[in-house]
Amino acid sequence: MVIKMAKKRTFESAMQELEEIVRELESGHFSLEDAIKKFEMGMKCAKFCEEKLDVAQKQITLLTTDADGNVSEEFFESIKKHIVKPH
């Protein structure tokens, strides 16, 4: 398989690449050295996807309810400031 380097990598393209690597590794048609290279490529894709998901999680808007039952929304980063106390 030839990996095409996109100008801007997306979560979806990295997942697609990871799925292709998994299929290739499951086929068992590689030498040990080539399988290790594929595995390393897969780990890089997985790390990229994990980082993208982490960023997305921080952008999610959370709904909160106050004591009176009023619903409001705050961005994850705003809420984290209230939850995480500095050391």
N, C-alpha and C. Protein backbone atom coordinates (compact mmCIF):
# COMPACT_ATOMS: atom_id res chain seq x y z
N MET A 1 0.84 -1.18 0.00
CA MET A 1 0.00 0.00 0.00
C MET A 1 0.88 1.23 0.00
N VAL A 2 0.53 2.21 -0.80
CA VAL A 2 1.25 3.47 -0.83
C VAL A 2 0.44 4.47 -0.04
N ILE A 3 1.08 5.09 0.95
CA ILE A 3 0.40 6.09 1.78
C ILE A 3 0.47 7.43 1.07
N LYS A 4 -0.69 8.03 0.86
CA LYS A 4 -0.74 9.35 0.24
C LYS A 4 -0.73 10.39 1.34
N MET A 5 0.20 11.29 1.27
CA MET A 5 0.29 12.33 2.28
C MET A 5 -0.59 13.51 1.86
N ALA A 6 -1.61 13.77 2.62
CA ALA A 6 -2.50 14.88 2.35
C ALA A 6 -1.89 16.16 2.91
N LYS A 7 -2.27 17.28 2.33
CA LYS A 7 -1.76 18.56 2.83
C LYS A 7 -2.21 18.78 4.27
N LYS A 8 -3.48 18.45 4.54
CA LYS A 8 -3.99 18.59 5.89
C LYS A 8 -4.68 17.29 6.27
N ARG A 9 -4.12 16.60 7.22
CA ARG A 9 -4.65 15.31 7.64
C ARG A 9 -5.90 15.53 8.49
N THR A 10 -6.89 14.71 8.26
CA THR A 10 -8.12 14.79 9.04
C THR A 10 -8.27 13.55 9.90
N PHE A 11 -9.15 13.63 10.87
CA PHE A 11 -9.45 12.48 11.71
C PHE A 11 -9.95 11.33 10.85
N GLU A 12 -10.86 11.65 9.93
CA GLU A 12 -11.46 10.62 9.08
C GLU A 12 -10.41 9.94 8.19
N SER A 13 -9.50 10.71 7.63
CA SER A 13 -8.48 10.11 6.76
C SER A 13 -7.52 9.25 7.58
N ALA A 14 -7.20 9.68 8.80
CA ALA A 14 -6.32 8.89 9.66
C ALA A 14 -7.00 7.59 10.09
N MET A 15 -8.29 7.66 10.39
CA MET A 15 -9.03 6.45 10.76
C MET A 15 -9.09 5.48 9.58
N GLN A 16 -9.31 6.01 8.40
CA GLN A 16 -9.37 5.17 7.21
C GLN A 16 -8.01 4.50 6.99
N GLU A 17 -6.94 5.25 7.17
CA GLU A 17 -5.59 4.70 7.02
C GLU A 17 -5.35 3.62 8.07
N LEU A 18 -5.77 3.88 9.31
CA LEU A 18 -5.61 2.90 10.38
C LEU A 18 -6.37 1.62 10.08
N GLU A 19 -7.60 1.75 9.60
CA GLU A 19 -8.40 0.57 9.25
C GLU A 19 -7.73 -0.25 8.14
N GLU A 20 -7.15 0.44 7.16
CA GLU A 20 -6.45 -0.24 6.07
C GLU A 20 -5.22 -0.98 6.60
N ILE A 21 -4.48 -0.35 7.49
CA ILE A 21 -3.30 -0.99 8.09
C ILE A 21 -3.71 -2.24 8.86
N VAL A 22 -4.79 -2.15 9.62
CA VAL A 22 -5.27 -3.31 10.38
C VAL A 22 -5.63 -4.46 9.43
N ARG A 23 -6.35 -4.13 8.36
CA ARG A 23 -6.72 -5.17 7.38
C ARG A 23 -5.47 -5.81 6.79
N GLU A 24 -4.48 -5.00 6.46
CA GLU A 24 -3.24 -5.53 5.87
C GLU A 24 -2.50 -6.41 6.87
N LEU A 25 -2.42 -5.98 8.11
CA LEU A 25 -1.72 -6.78 9.12
C LEU A 25 -2.46 -8.09 9.38
N GLU A 26 -3.79 -8.04 9.38
CA GLU A 26 -4.57 -9.25 9.60
C GLU A 26 -4.41 -10.26 8.46
N SER A 27 -4.05 -9.77 7.28
CA SER A 27 -3.86 -10.68 6.15
C SER A 27 -2.65 -11.59 6.35
N GLY A 28 -1.67 -11.11 7.13
CA GLY A 28 -0.49 -11.91 7.41
C GLY A 28 0.48 -12.06 6.26
N HIS A 29 0.40 -11.20 5.27
CA HIS A 29 1.25 -11.30 4.08
C HIS A 29 2.49 -10.42 4.17
N PHE A 30 3.02 -10.22 5.35
CA PHE A 30 4.19 -9.36 5.52
C PHE A 30 5.28 -10.10 6.27
N SER A 31 6.51 -9.71 5.97
CA SER A 31 7.63 -10.20 6.77
C SER A 31 7.53 -9.54 8.14
N LEU A 32 8.27 -10.04 9.09
CA LEU A 32 8.25 -9.46 10.43
C LEU A 32 8.64 -7.99 10.40
N GLU A 33 9.68 -7.67 9.64
CA GLU A 33 10.14 -6.27 9.57
C GLU A 33 9.07 -5.36 8.98
N ASP A 34 8.42 -5.81 7.91
CA ASP A 34 7.37 -5.00 7.29
C ASP A 34 6.15 -4.89 8.20
N ALA A 35 5.83 -5.96 8.91
CA ALA A 35 4.71 -5.92 9.85
C ALA A 35 4.99 -4.92 10.97
N ILE A 36 6.22 -4.87 11.44
CA ILE A 36 6.59 -3.91 12.49
C ILE A 36 6.45 -2.48 11.97
N LYS A 37 6.88 -2.23 10.73
CA LYS A 37 6.74 -0.90 10.13
C LYS A 37 5.26 -0.51 10.02
N LYS A 38 4.44 -1.46 9.58
CA LYS A 38 3.00 -1.20 9.48
C LYS A 38 2.41 -0.90 10.86
N PHE A 39 2.84 -1.68 11.85
CA PHE A 39 2.35 -1.48 13.21
C PHE A 39 2.72 -0.08 13.70
N GLU A 40 3.95 0.36 13.45
CA GLU A 40 4.38 1.70 13.84
C GLU A 40 3.55 2.78 13.15
N MET A 41 3.26 2.57 11.86
CA MET A 41 2.42 3.52 11.13
C MET A 41 1.03 3.56 11.76
N GLY A 42 0.52 2.40 12.12
CA GLY A 42 -0.80 2.33 12.76
C GLY A 42 -0.82 3.05 14.10
N MET A 43 0.24 2.90 14.87
CA MET A 43 0.31 3.58 16.16
C MET A 43 0.35 5.09 15.98
N LYS A 44 1.02 5.57 14.94
CA LYS A 44 1.05 7.02 14.66
C LYS A 44 -0.35 7.51 14.29
N CYS A 45 -1.06 6.73 13.49
CA CYS A 45 -2.44 7.10 13.13
C CYS A 45 -3.32 7.12 14.37
N ALA A 46 -3.18 6.11 15.22
CA ALA A 46 -3.99 6.03 16.44
C ALA A 46 -3.70 7.22 17.36
N LYS A 47 -2.44 7.60 17.48
CA LYS A 47 -2.08 8.74 18.32
C LYS A 47 -2.68 10.03 17.76
N PHE A 48 -2.59 10.20 16.45
CA PHE A 48 -3.17 11.37 15.81
C PHE A 48 -4.68 11.45 16.09
N CYS A 49 -5.37 10.31 15.94
CA CYS A 49 -6.81 10.27 16.19
C CYS A 49 -7.12 10.57 17.65
N GLU A 50 -6.34 10.03 18.55
CA GLU A 50 -6.55 10.28 19.98
C GLU A 50 -6.40 11.77 20.29
N GLU A 51 -5.39 12.41 19.70
CA GLU A 51 -5.18 13.83 19.92
C GLU A 51 -6.35 14.65 19.37
N LYS A 52 -6.84 14.27 18.19
CA LYS A 52 -7.99 14.97 17.59
C LYS A 52 -9.23 14.82 18.47
N LEU A 53 -9.45 13.62 19.01
CA LEU A 53 -10.60 13.40 19.88
C LEU A 53 -10.48 14.20 21.18
N ASP A 54 -9.26 14.33 21.69
CA ASP A 54 -9.03 15.11 22.90
C ASP A 54 -9.39 16.57 22.66
N VAL A 55 -8.98 17.10 21.52
CA VAL A 55 -9.31 18.49 21.17
C VAL A 55 -10.82 18.65 21.02
N ALA A 56 -11.46 17.69 20.37
CA ALA A 56 -12.92 17.75 20.17
C ALA A 56 -13.64 17.73 21.51
N GLN A 57 -13.16 16.90 22.43
CA GLN A 57 -13.80 16.82 23.74
C GLN A 57 -13.76 18.17 24.45
N LYS A 58 -12.67 18.86 24.30
CA LYS A 58 -12.52 20.16 24.96
C LYS A 58 -13.40 21.23 24.33
N GLN A 59 -13.87 20.97 23.12
CA GLN A 59 -14.73 21.94 22.43
C GLN A 59 -16.21 21.67 22.66
N ILE A 60 -16.51 20.55 23.27
CA ILE A 60 -17.91 20.20 23.49
C ILE A 60 -18.55 21.16 24.50
N THR A 61 -19.73 21.56 24.20
CA THR A 61 -20.47 22.41 25.12
C THR A 61 -21.21 21.53 26.10
N LEU A 62 -21.04 21.82 27.38
CA LEU A 62 -21.71 21.05 28.41
C LEU A 62 -22.93 21.80 28.93
N LEU A 63 -23.99 21.09 29.14
CA LEU A 63 -25.19 21.68 29.71
C LEU A 63 -25.15 21.48 31.22
N THR A 64 -25.43 22.54 31.94
CA THR A 64 -25.45 22.45 33.40
C THR A 64 -26.78 22.98 33.93
N THR A 65 -27.15 22.51 35.09
CA THR A 65 -28.39 22.96 35.73
C THR A 65 -28.04 23.55 37.08
N ASP A 66 -28.56 24.77 37.34
CA ASP A 66 -28.29 25.39 38.63
C ASP A 66 -29.31 24.92 39.67
N ALA A 67 -29.22 25.43 40.89
CA ALA A 67 -30.09 25.00 41.99
C ALA A 67 -31.57 25.26 41.70
N ASP A 68 -31.86 26.27 40.89
CA ASP A 68 -33.24 26.61 40.57
C ASP A 68 -33.79 25.82 39.37
N GLY A 69 -32.96 24.97 38.81
CA GLY A 69 -33.39 24.17 37.67
C GLY A 69 -33.19 24.83 36.33
N ASN A 70 -32.53 25.98 36.31
CA ASN A 70 -32.27 26.68 35.06
C ASN A 70 -31.11 26.00 34.32
N VAL A 71 -31.31 25.76 33.05
CA VAL A 71 -30.28 25.11 32.24
C VAL A 71 -29.46 26.18 31.53
N SER A 72 -28.15 26.04 31.59
CA SER A 72 -27.27 26.95 30.86
C SER A 72 -26.18 26.11 30.21
N GLU A 73 -25.46 26.71 29.31
CA GLU A 73 -24.37 25.98 28.67
C GLU A 73 -23.07 26.73 28.84
N GLU A 74 -22.02 25.97 29.04
CA GLU A 74 -20.68 26.52 29.17
C GLU A 74 -19.75 25.66 28.35
N PHE A 75 -18.73 26.27 27.83
CA PHE A 75 -17.73 25.49 27.11
C PHE A 75 -16.91 24.68 28.11
N PHE A 76 -16.46 23.53 27.68
CA PHE A 76 -15.70 22.62 28.51
C PHE A 76 -14.56 23.33 29.22
N GLU A 77 -13.82 24.19 28.51
CA GLU A 77 -12.68 24.89 29.11
C GLU A 77 -13.14 25.79 30.26
N SER A 78 -14.30 26.45 30.13
CA SER A 78 -14.82 27.31 31.19
C SER A 78 -15.14 26.50 32.43
N ILE A 79 -15.75 25.35 32.24
CA ILE A 79 -16.11 24.50 33.37
C ILE A 79 -14.86 23.91 34.01
N LYS A 80 -13.89 23.55 33.20
CA LYS A 80 -12.67 22.94 33.72
C LYS A 80 -11.97 23.91 34.67
N LYS A 81 -12.02 25.19 34.40
CA LYS A 81 -11.40 26.18 35.28
C LYS A 81 -11.99 26.13 36.67
N HIS A 82 -13.29 25.83 36.76
CA HIS A 82 -13.97 25.75 38.06
C HIS A 82 -13.70 24.44 38.77
N ILE A 83 -13.43 23.37 37.99
CA ILE A 83 -13.24 22.04 38.57
C ILE A 83 -11.80 21.80 38.96
N VAL A 84 -10.87 22.15 38.06
CA VAL A 84 -9.45 21.88 38.27
C VAL A 84 -8.86 22.99 39.12
N LYS A 85 -8.34 22.61 40.26
CA LYS A 85 -7.73 23.60 41.15
C LYS A 85 -6.23 23.61 40.95
N PRO A 86 -5.62 24.80 40.86
CA PRO A 86 -4.17 24.86 40.68
C PRO A 86 -3.44 24.31 41.89
N HIS A 87 -2.28 23.72 41.65
CA HIS A 87 -1.48 23.15 42.73
C HIS A 87 -0.68 24.20 43.44
